[in-house]
Amino acid sequence: MYIDRSRSTLTGAVTRCSNSFPDVCVADVRGSVDFYRALLGLDVITDHGWYAELGADDRTMIAFVQRGHETTPAVASTDPRGVLLSFEVDDVGPVYDVAKRLGCEMLIDLAAELGQHHFMISDPDGAVVDVIQRIELTTADMRRLVRYRRATTP
């Protein structure tokens, strides 16, 4: 597998990105906070009511902002679509059990594939959440990845 570890250069850039996290526009910030705390055990980093950040060890991993809030553009006022919110965990099994107890819509049931043991659910706003535990690639996984790469290489 090829991973490009070279640095991107931008003319005049004087800073580096130190962190990134999705900021999801939601219908109910409190409901989203409660859902993700129950599912993943995340801590509340910041909570202003209309905006909240969740994370671990004082590092923000995801944020929620009230859909339609004056601080967001109108284009961000729709349901989340086309993005997978991925969370890597040490042990996917207990998180899967919590997701089932919460009654989450299971989009992809627990599976081991492509170097990960994972499942995908829908969150309260319809965003796709992928909970991942990294595992060793199998020979079949490597063959599948080669096939995918060949299919996308011009």
C-alpha atoms as a PDB file:
ATOM      1  CA  MET A   1       0.000   0.000   0.000  1.00  0.00           C
ATOM      2  CA  TYR A   2       1.401   3.408  -0.961  1.00  0.00           C
ATOM      3  CA  ILE A   3       1.260   6.229   1.588  1.00  0.00           C
ATOM      4  CA  ASP A   4       2.599   9.632   0.545  1.00  0.00           C
ATOM      5  CA  ARG A   5       4.298  11.075   3.619  1.00  0.00           C
ATOM      6  CA  SER A   6       5.870  14.020   1.836  1.00  0.00           C
ATOM      7  CA  ARG A   7       4.875  17.453   3.075  1.00  0.00           C
ATOM      8  CA  SER A   8       2.637  19.664   1.053  1.00  0.00           C
ATOM      9  CA  THR A   9       4.055  23.119   0.502  1.00  0.00           C
ATOM     10  CA  LEU A  10       2.059  26.289   0.138  1.00  0.00           C
ATOM     11  CA  THR A  11       3.734  29.500  -0.891  1.00  0.00           C
ATOM     12  CA  GLY A  12       3.730  31.859   2.084  1.00  0.00           C
ATOM     13  CA  ALA A  13       2.303  29.337   4.563  1.00  0.00           C
ATOM     14  CA  VAL A  14       3.597  30.062   8.046  1.00  0.00           C
ATOM     15  CA  THR A  15       1.577  27.565  10.072  1.00  0.00           C
ATOM     16  CA  ARG A  16       0.665  23.895  10.149  1.00  0.00           C
ATOM     17  CA  CYS A  17      -2.672  22.304  10.827  1.00  0.00           C
ATOM     18  CA  SER A  18      -2.568  20.914  14.374  1.00  0.00           C
ATOM     19  CA  ASN A  19      -5.981  19.257  14.606  1.00  0.00           C
ATOM     20  CA  SER A  20      -9.122  18.631  12.654  1.00  0.00           C
ATOM     21  CA  PHE A  21     -12.602  17.575  13.668  1.00  0.00           C
ATOM     22  CA  PRO A  22     -16.021  17.551  12.015  1.00  0.00           C
ATOM     23  CA  ASP A  23     -18.458  20.242  13.089  1.00  0.00           C
ATOM     24  CA  VAL A  24     -21.868  18.749  12.349  1.00  0.00           C
ATOM     25  CA  CYS A  25     -24.971  20.925  12.021  1.00  0.00           C
ATOM     26  CA  VAL A  26     -27.723  19.124  13.947  1.00  0.00           C
ATOM     27  CA  ALA A  27     -31.385  19.616  14.850  1.00  0.00           C
ATOM     28  CA  ASP A  28     -30.774  18.992  18.571  1.00  0.00           C
ATOM     29  CA  VAL A  29     -27.316  19.692  20.026  1.00  0.00           C
ATOM     30  CA  ARG A  30     -28.189  18.217  23.451  1.00  0.00           C
ATOM     31  CA  GLY A  31     -29.586  15.063  21.819  1.00  0.00           C
ATOM     32  CA  SER A  32     -26.427  14.624  19.726  1.00  0.00           C
ATOM     33  CA  VAL A  33     -24.184  15.193  22.749  1.00  0.00           C
ATOM     34  CA  ASP A  34     -26.131  12.614  24.759  1.00  0.00           C
ATOM     35  CA  PHE A  35     -26.046  10.106  21.872  1.00  0.00           C
ATOM     36  CA  TYR A  36     -22.290  10.315  21.237  1.00  0.00           C
ATOM     37  CA  ARG A  37     -21.456  10.327  24.957  1.00  0.00           C
ATOM     38  CA  ALA A  38     -23.549   7.169  25.450  1.00  0.00           C
ATOM     39  CA  LEU A  39     -22.129   5.468  22.342  1.00  0.00           C
ATOM     40  CA  LEU A  40     -18.440   6.351  22.675  1.00  0.00           C
ATOM     41  CA  GLY A  41     -17.972   7.609  26.226  1.00  0.00           C
ATOM     42  CA  LEU A  42     -16.681  10.966  24.998  1.00  0.00           C
ATOM     43  CA  ASP A  43     -16.155  13.904  27.355  1.00  0.00           C
ATOM     44  CA  VAL A  44     -17.766  17.310  26.922  1.00  0.00           C
ATOM     45  CA  ILE A  45     -14.954  19.720  26.049  1.00  0.00           C
ATOM     46  CA  THR A  46     -17.125  22.790  25.377  1.00  0.00           C
ATOM     47  CA  ASP A  47     -20.876  23.327  25.740  1.00  0.00           C
ATOM     48  CA  HIS A  48     -22.627  26.592  24.897  1.00  0.00           C
ATOM     49  CA  GLY A  49     -26.045  25.025  24.370  1.00  0.00           C
ATOM     50  CA  TRP A  50     -26.211  25.882  20.662  1.00  0.00           C
ATOM     51  CA  TYR A  51     -22.657  24.536  20.143  1.00  0.00           C
ATOM     52  CA  ALA A  52     -20.780  21.686  21.833  1.00  0.00           C
ATOM     53  CA  GLU A  53     -17.480  19.829  21.402  1.00  0.00           C
ATOM     54  CA  LEU A  54     -16.842  16.248  22.505  1.00  0.00           C
ATOM     55  CA  GLY A  55     -13.524  14.467  22.781  1.00  0.00           C
ATOM     56  CA  ALA A  56     -11.075  12.594  24.941  1.00  0.00           C
ATOM     57  CA  ASP A  57      -8.042  13.759  26.900  1.00  0.00           C
ATOM     58  CA  ASP A  58      -8.964  17.424  26.215  1.00  0.00           C
ATOM     59  CA  ARG A  59      -8.727  16.841  22.454  1.00  0.00           C
ATOM     60  CA  THR A  60     -11.842  17.657  20.447  1.00  0.00           C
ATOM     61  CA  MET A  61     -12.976  14.820  18.182  1.00  0.00           C
ATOM     62  CA  ILE A  62     -16.396  16.072  17.036  1.00  0.00           C
ATOM     63  CA  ALA A  63     -18.487  19.207  17.452  1.00  0.00           C
ATOM     64  CA  PHE A  64     -22.167  20.001  16.990  1.00  0.00           C
ATOM     65  CA  VAL A  65     -23.772  23.299  16.108  1.00  0.00           C
ATOM     66  CA  GLN A  66     -27.490  24.056  16.066  1.00  0.00           C
ATOM     67  CA  ARG A  67     -28.742  23.805  12.488  1.00  0.00           C
ATOM     68  CA  GLY A  68     -29.723  27.257  11.225  1.00  0.00           C
ATOM     69  CA  HIS A  69     -27.679  29.103  13.870  1.00  0.00           C
ATOM     70  CA  GLU A  70     -26.579  32.584  12.805  1.00  0.00           C
ATOM     71  CA  THR A  71     -22.900  31.539  12.926  1.00  0.00           C
ATOM     72  CA  THR A  72     -23.320  28.995  10.110  1.00  0.00           C
ATOM     73  CA  PRO A  73     -24.073  29.542   6.431  1.00  0.00           C
ATOM     74  CA  ALA A  74     -27.539  28.599   5.168  1.00  0.00           C
ATOM     75  CA  VAL A  75     -26.030  25.847   3.000  1.00  0.00           C
ATOM     76  CA  ALA A  76     -25.075  24.001   6.214  1.00  0.00           C
ATOM     77  CA  SER A  77     -28.694  23.824   7.387  1.00  0.00           C
ATOM     78  CA  THR A  78     -29.507  20.494   5.766  1.00  0.00           C
ATOM     79  CA  ASP A  79     -29.232  16.961   7.098  1.00  0.00           C
ATOM     80  CA  PRO A  80     -25.664  15.608   7.011  1.00  0.00           C
ATOM     81  CA  ARG A  81     -25.064  13.590   3.824  1.00  0.00           C
ATOM     82  CA  GLY A  82     -22.088  12.145   1.991  1.00  0.00           C
ATOM     83  CA  VAL A  83     -19.698  12.043   4.957  1.00  0.00           C
ATOM     84  CA  LEU A  84     -18.692   9.120   7.153  1.00  0.00           C
ATOM     85  CA  LEU A  85     -17.958  10.103  10.751  1.00  0.00           C
ATOM     86  CA  SER A  86     -15.302   7.547  11.700  1.00  0.00           C
ATOM     87  CA  PHE A  87     -14.222   6.813  15.263  1.00  0.00           C
ATOM     88  CA  GLU A  88     -11.351   4.471  16.043  1.00  0.00           C
ATOM     89  CA  VAL A  89     -11.710   2.523  19.298  1.00  0.00           C
ATOM     90  CA  ASP A  90      -9.595  -0.043  21.145  1.00  0.00           C
ATOM     91  CA  ASP A  91     -12.391  -2.642  21.249  1.00  0.00           C
ATOM     92  CA  VAL A  92     -15.341  -2.364  18.880  1.00  0.00           C
ATOM     93  CA  GLY A  93     -17.395  -5.109  20.585  1.00  0.00           C
ATOM     94  CA  PRO A  94     -18.643  -3.117  23.604  1.00  0.00           C
ATOM     95  CA  VAL A  95     -19.451  -0.097  21.402  1.00  0.00           C
ATOM     96  CA  TYR A  96     -21.437  -2.363  19.065  1.00  0.00           C
ATOM     97  CA  ASP A  97     -23.392  -3.658  22.090  1.00  0.00           C
ATOM     98  CA  VAL A  98     -24.160  -0.078  23.177  1.00  0.00           C
ATOM     99  CA  ALA A  99     -25.297   0.828  19.650  1.00  0.00           C
ATOM    100  CA  LYS A 100     -27.696  -2.117  19.683  1.00  0.00           C
ATOM    101  CA  ARG A 101     -29.027  -1.157  23.130  1.00  0.00           C
ATOM    102  CA  LEU A 102     -29.547   2.421  21.896  1.00  0.00           C
ATOM    103  CA  GLY A 103     -31.631   1.020  19.018  1.00  0.00           C
ATOM    104  CA  CYS A 104     -29.368   2.508  16.337  1.00  0.00           C
ATOM    105  CA  GLU A 105     -30.157   1.787  12.712  1.00  0.00           C
ATOM    106  CA  MET A 106     -27.453  -0.693  11.706  1.00  0.00           C
ATOM    107  CA  LEU A 107     -26.298   0.296   8.193  1.00  0.00           C
ATOM    108  CA  ILE A 108     -23.414  -2.214   8.096  1.00  0.00           C
ATOM    109  CA  ASP A 109     -23.370  -4.933  10.718  1.00  0.00           C
ATOM    110  CA  LEU A 110     -20.207  -5.813  12.615  1.00  0.00           C
ATOM    111  CA  ALA A 111     -17.653  -7.122  10.117  1.00  0.00           C
ATOM    112  CA  ALA A 112     -13.917  -7.746   9.834  1.00  0.00           C
ATOM    113  CA  GLU A 113     -12.614  -6.428   6.518  1.00  0.00           C
ATOM    114  CA  LEU A 114      -9.797  -4.408   5.018  1.00  0.00           C
ATOM    115  CA  GLY A 115      -7.778  -4.176   8.221  1.00  0.00           C
ATOM    116  CA  GLN A 116     -10.621  -3.136  10.441  1.00  0.00           C
ATOM    117  CA  HIS A 117     -13.309  -4.674  12.593  1.00  0.00           C
ATOM    118  CA  HIS A 118     -16.160  -2.196  12.246  1.00  0.00           C
ATOM    119  CA  PHE A 119     -19.830  -1.392  11.957  1.00  0.00           C
ATOM    120  CA  MET A 120     -21.791   1.568  10.602  1.00  0.00           C
ATOM    121  CA  ILE A 121     -24.889   3.142  12.092  1.00  0.00           C
ATOM    122  CA  SER A 122     -27.033   6.189  11.529  1.00  0.00           C
ATOM    123  CA  ASP A 123     -26.915   8.905  14.205  1.00  0.00           C
ATOM    124  CA  PRO A 124     -30.023  10.870  15.303  1.00  0.00           C
ATOM    125  CA  ASP A 125     -29.597  13.342  12.410  1.00  0.00           C
ATOM    126  CA  GLY A 126     -28.961  10.667   9.776  1.00  0.00           C
ATOM    127  CA  ALA A 127     -25.173  11.009   9.630  1.00  0.00           C
ATOM    128  CA  VAL A 128     -23.301   7.759   8.989  1.00  0.00           C
ATOM    129  CA  VAL A 129     -21.087   6.763  11.924  1.00  0.00           C
ATOM    130  CA  ASP A 130     -18.328   4.191  11.297  1.00  0.00           C
ATOM    131  CA  VAL A 131     -16.881   2.686  14.493  1.00  0.00           C
ATOM    132  CA  ILE A 132     -13.526   1.045  13.773  1.00  0.00           C
ATOM    133  CA  GLN A 133     -11.040  -1.200  15.543  1.00  0.00           C
ATOM    134  CA  ARG A 134      -7.846  -1.687  13.544  1.00  0.00           C
ATOM    135  CA  ILE A 135      -6.845  -5.314  12.924  1.00  0.00           C
ATOM    136  CA  GLU A 136      -4.228  -7.055  10.805  1.00  0.00           C
ATOM    137  CA  LEU A 137      -4.848  -7.173   7.076  1.00  0.00           C
ATOM    138  CA  THR A 138      -5.530 -10.678   5.818  1.00  0.00           C
ATOM    139  CA  THR A 139      -4.258 -11.999   2.495  1.00  0.00           C
ATOM    140  CA  ALA A 140      -7.815 -11.723   1.174  1.00  0.00           C
ATOM    141  CA  ASP A 141      -7.938  -8.078   2.339  1.00  0.00           C
ATOM    142  CA  MET A 142      -4.683  -7.312   0.498  1.00  0.00           C
ATOM    143  CA  ARG A 143      -6.004  -8.878  -2.695  1.00  0.00           C
ATOM    144  CA  ARG A 144      -9.210  -6.877  -2.390  1.00  0.00           C
ATOM    145  CA  LEU A 145      -7.259  -3.638  -1.868  1.00  0.00           C
ATOM    146  CA  VAL A 146      -5.141  -4.350  -4.966  1.00  0.00           C
ATOM    147  CA  ARG A 147      -8.324  -4.967  -6.947  1.00  0.00           C
ATOM    148  CA  TYR A 148      -9.787  -1.642  -5.703  1.00  0.00           C
ATOM    149  CA  ARG A 149      -6.596   0.213  -6.575  1.00  0.00           C
ATOM    150  CA  ARG A 150      -6.508  -1.258 -10.089  1.00  0.00           C
ATOM    151  CA  ALA A 151     -10.142  -0.283 -10.596  1.00  0.00           C
ATOM    152  CA  THR A 152      -9.396   3.373  -9.716  1.00  0.00           C
ATOM    153  CA  THR A 153      -5.994   3.763 -11.408  1.00  0.00           C
ATOM    154  CA  PRO A 154      -6.239   5.357 -14.857  1.00  0.00           C
END
